[in-house]
C-alpha atoms as a PDB file:
ATOM      1  CA  UNK A   1     -40.359  23.123   1.188  1.00  0.00           C
ATOM      2  CA  UNK A   2     -37.062  21.212   1.209  1.00  0.00           C
ATOM      3  CA  UNK A   3     -34.176  23.345   1.910  1.00  0.00           C
ATOM      4  CA  UNK A   4     -31.213  21.187   2.404  1.00  0.00           C
ATOM      5  CA  UNK A   5     -28.273  21.435   0.034  1.00  0.00           C
ATOM      6  CA  UNK A   6     -27.586  18.121  -1.411  1.00  0.00           C
ATOM      7  CA  UNK A   7     -23.551  17.573  -1.320  1.00  0.00           C
ATOM      8  CA  UNK A   8     -22.844  15.436  -4.557  1.00  0.00           C
ATOM      9  CA  UNK A   9     -20.090  13.541  -4.932  1.00  0.00           C
ATOM     10  CA  UNK A  10     -18.702  12.263  -8.376  1.00  0.00           C
ATOM     11  CA  UNK A  11     -17.992   8.740  -7.762  1.00  0.00           C
ATOM     12  CA  UNK A  12     -17.341   7.136 -11.557  1.00  0.00           C
ATOM     13  CA  UNK A  13     -17.773   9.133 -14.560  1.00  0.00           C
ATOM     14  CA  UNK A  14     -16.680   8.829 -18.343  1.00  0.00           C
ATOM     15  CA  UNK A  15     -18.192  10.576 -21.344  1.00  0.00           C
ATOM     16  CA  UNK A  16     -21.877  10.941 -21.170  1.00  0.00           C
ATOM     17  CA  UNK A  17     -21.963   8.297 -18.263  1.00  0.00           C
ATOM     18  CA  UNK A  18     -21.646   9.085 -14.884  1.00  0.00           C
ATOM     19  CA  UNK A  19     -22.419   8.063 -10.885  1.00  0.00           C
ATOM     20  CA  UNK A  20     -22.454  10.985  -8.589  1.00  0.00           C
ATOM     21  CA  UNK A  21     -23.477  10.335  -4.652  1.00  0.00           C
ATOM     22  CA  UNK A  22     -25.456  12.742  -2.236  1.00  0.00           C
ATOM     23  CA  UNK A  23     -24.780  12.001   1.059  1.00  0.00           C
ATOM     24  CA  UNK A  24     -27.179  14.424   2.368  1.00  0.00           C
ATOM     25  CA  UNK A  25     -29.949  12.271   0.872  1.00  0.00           C
ATOM     26  CA  UNK A  26     -28.460   9.121   0.839  1.00  0.00           C
ATOM     27  CA  UNK A  27     -28.972   8.746  -2.959  1.00  0.00           C
ATOM     28  CA  UNK A  28     -27.251   7.446  -5.964  1.00  0.00           C
ATOM     29  CA  UNK A  29     -27.717   9.016  -9.375  1.00  0.00           C
ATOM     30  CA  UNK A  30     -26.610   7.770 -12.740  1.00  0.00           C
ATOM     31  CA  UNK A  31     -26.392   9.849 -15.617  1.00  0.00           C
ATOM     32  CA  UNK A  32     -26.759   8.722 -18.955  1.00  0.00           C
ATOM     33  CA  UNK A  33     -26.589  11.047 -21.675  1.00  0.00           C
ATOM     34  CA  UNK A  34     -29.824  13.208 -20.554  1.00  0.00           C
ATOM     35  CA  UNK A  35     -31.508  10.057 -18.545  1.00  0.00           C
ATOM     36  CA  UNK A  36     -30.821  10.431 -15.019  1.00  0.00           C
ATOM     37  CA  UNK A  37     -31.772   7.847 -12.633  1.00  0.00           C
ATOM     38  CA  UNK A  38     -32.142   8.142  -8.733  1.00  0.00           C
ATOM     39  CA  UNK A  39     -31.354   5.420  -6.740  1.00  0.00           C
ATOM     40  CA  UNK A  40     -31.314   4.661  -2.892  1.00  0.00           C
ATOM     41  CA  UNK A  41     -28.031   2.747  -2.286  1.00  0.00           C
ATOM     42  CA  UNK A  42     -29.483  -0.826  -1.388  1.00  0.00           C
ATOM     43  CA  UNK A  43     -31.656  -0.061  -5.146  1.00  0.00           C
ATOM     44  CA  UNK A  44     -28.090   1.103  -6.574  1.00  0.00           C
ATOM     45  CA  UNK A  45     -25.925  -1.758  -5.309  1.00  0.00           C
ATOM     46  CA  UNK A  46     -28.574  -3.922  -6.267  1.00  0.00           C
ATOM     47  CA  UNK A  47     -29.162  -2.540  -9.868  1.00  0.00           C
ATOM     48  CA  UNK A  48     -24.873  -3.424  -9.760  1.00  0.00           C
ATOM     49  CA  UNK A  49     -25.400  -6.690  -9.270  1.00  0.00           C
ATOM     50  CA  UNK A  50     -28.112  -7.412 -11.897  1.00  0.00           C
ATOM     51  CA  UNK A  51     -25.531  -5.178 -14.669  1.00  0.00           C
ATOM     52  CA  UNK A  52     -22.630  -7.261 -13.616  1.00  0.00           C
ATOM     53  CA  UNK A  53     -24.595 -11.004 -13.998  1.00  0.00           C
ATOM     54  CA  UNK A  54     -26.005  -9.678 -17.648  1.00  0.00           C
ATOM     55  CA  UNK A  55     -22.444  -8.491 -18.670  1.00  0.00           C
ATOM     56  CA  UNK A  56     -21.094 -11.710 -17.801  1.00  0.00           C
ATOM     57  CA  UNK A  57     -23.648 -13.734 -19.523  1.00  0.00           C
ATOM     58  CA  UNK A  58     -23.512 -11.478 -22.736  1.00  0.00           C
ATOM     59  CA  UNK A  59     -19.428 -12.506 -22.540  1.00  0.00           C
ATOM     60  CA  UNK A  60     -20.262 -15.937 -22.149  1.00  0.00           C
ATOM     61  CA  UNK A  61     -22.363 -15.881 -25.587  1.00  0.00           C
ATOM     62  CA  UNK A  62     -19.896 -14.266 -27.714  1.00  0.00           C
ATOM     63  CA  UNK A  63     -17.583 -16.793 -26.098  1.00  0.00           C
ATOM     64  CA  UNK A  64     -19.564 -19.390 -27.247  1.00  0.00           C
ATOM     65  CA  UNK A  65     -20.374 -18.099 -30.702  1.00  0.00           C
ATOM     66  CA  UNK A  66     -16.952 -17.486 -31.574  1.00  0.00           C
ATOM     67  CA  UNK A  67     -16.165 -21.172 -30.298  1.00  0.00           C
ATOM     68  CA  UNK A  68     -18.863 -22.113 -32.769  1.00  0.00           C
ATOM     69  CA  UNK A  69     -17.860 -20.366 -35.804  1.00  0.00           C
ATOM     70  CA  UNK A  70     -13.978 -21.240 -34.942  1.00  0.00           C
ATOM     71  CA  UNK A  71     -14.941 -25.147 -35.070  1.00  0.00           C
ATOM     72  CA  UNK A  72     -17.295 -24.533 -37.997  1.00  0.00           C
ATOM     73  CA  UNK A  73     -14.281 -23.169 -39.986  1.00  0.00           C
ATOM     74  CA  UNK A  74     -11.958 -25.448 -38.807  1.00  0.00           C
ATOM     75  CA  UNK A  75     -14.244 -28.496 -40.438  1.00  0.00           C
ATOM     76  CA  UNK A  76     -13.874 -26.515 -44.011  1.00  0.00           C
ATOM     77  CA  UNK A  77     -10.141 -27.159 -43.705  1.00  0.00           C
ATOM     78  CA  UNK A  78      -8.942 -29.963 -46.245  1.00  0.00           C
END
């Protein structure tokens, strides 16, 4: 039986979403609503990189669509 007590540190958080870190376990825990995902630090860092890339691509896609809509509307000006 594991009797060691977790020492959880809040790293970041907002309503319904936070990240805590346990120094004893070396685990970052992502809590989103009722979902809790425990990750070793290396896996957490990889998730961060993947999420950053995804957000960047979503922003680029959104900007591209806005430009295309603007150009279509510009063509309708007489």
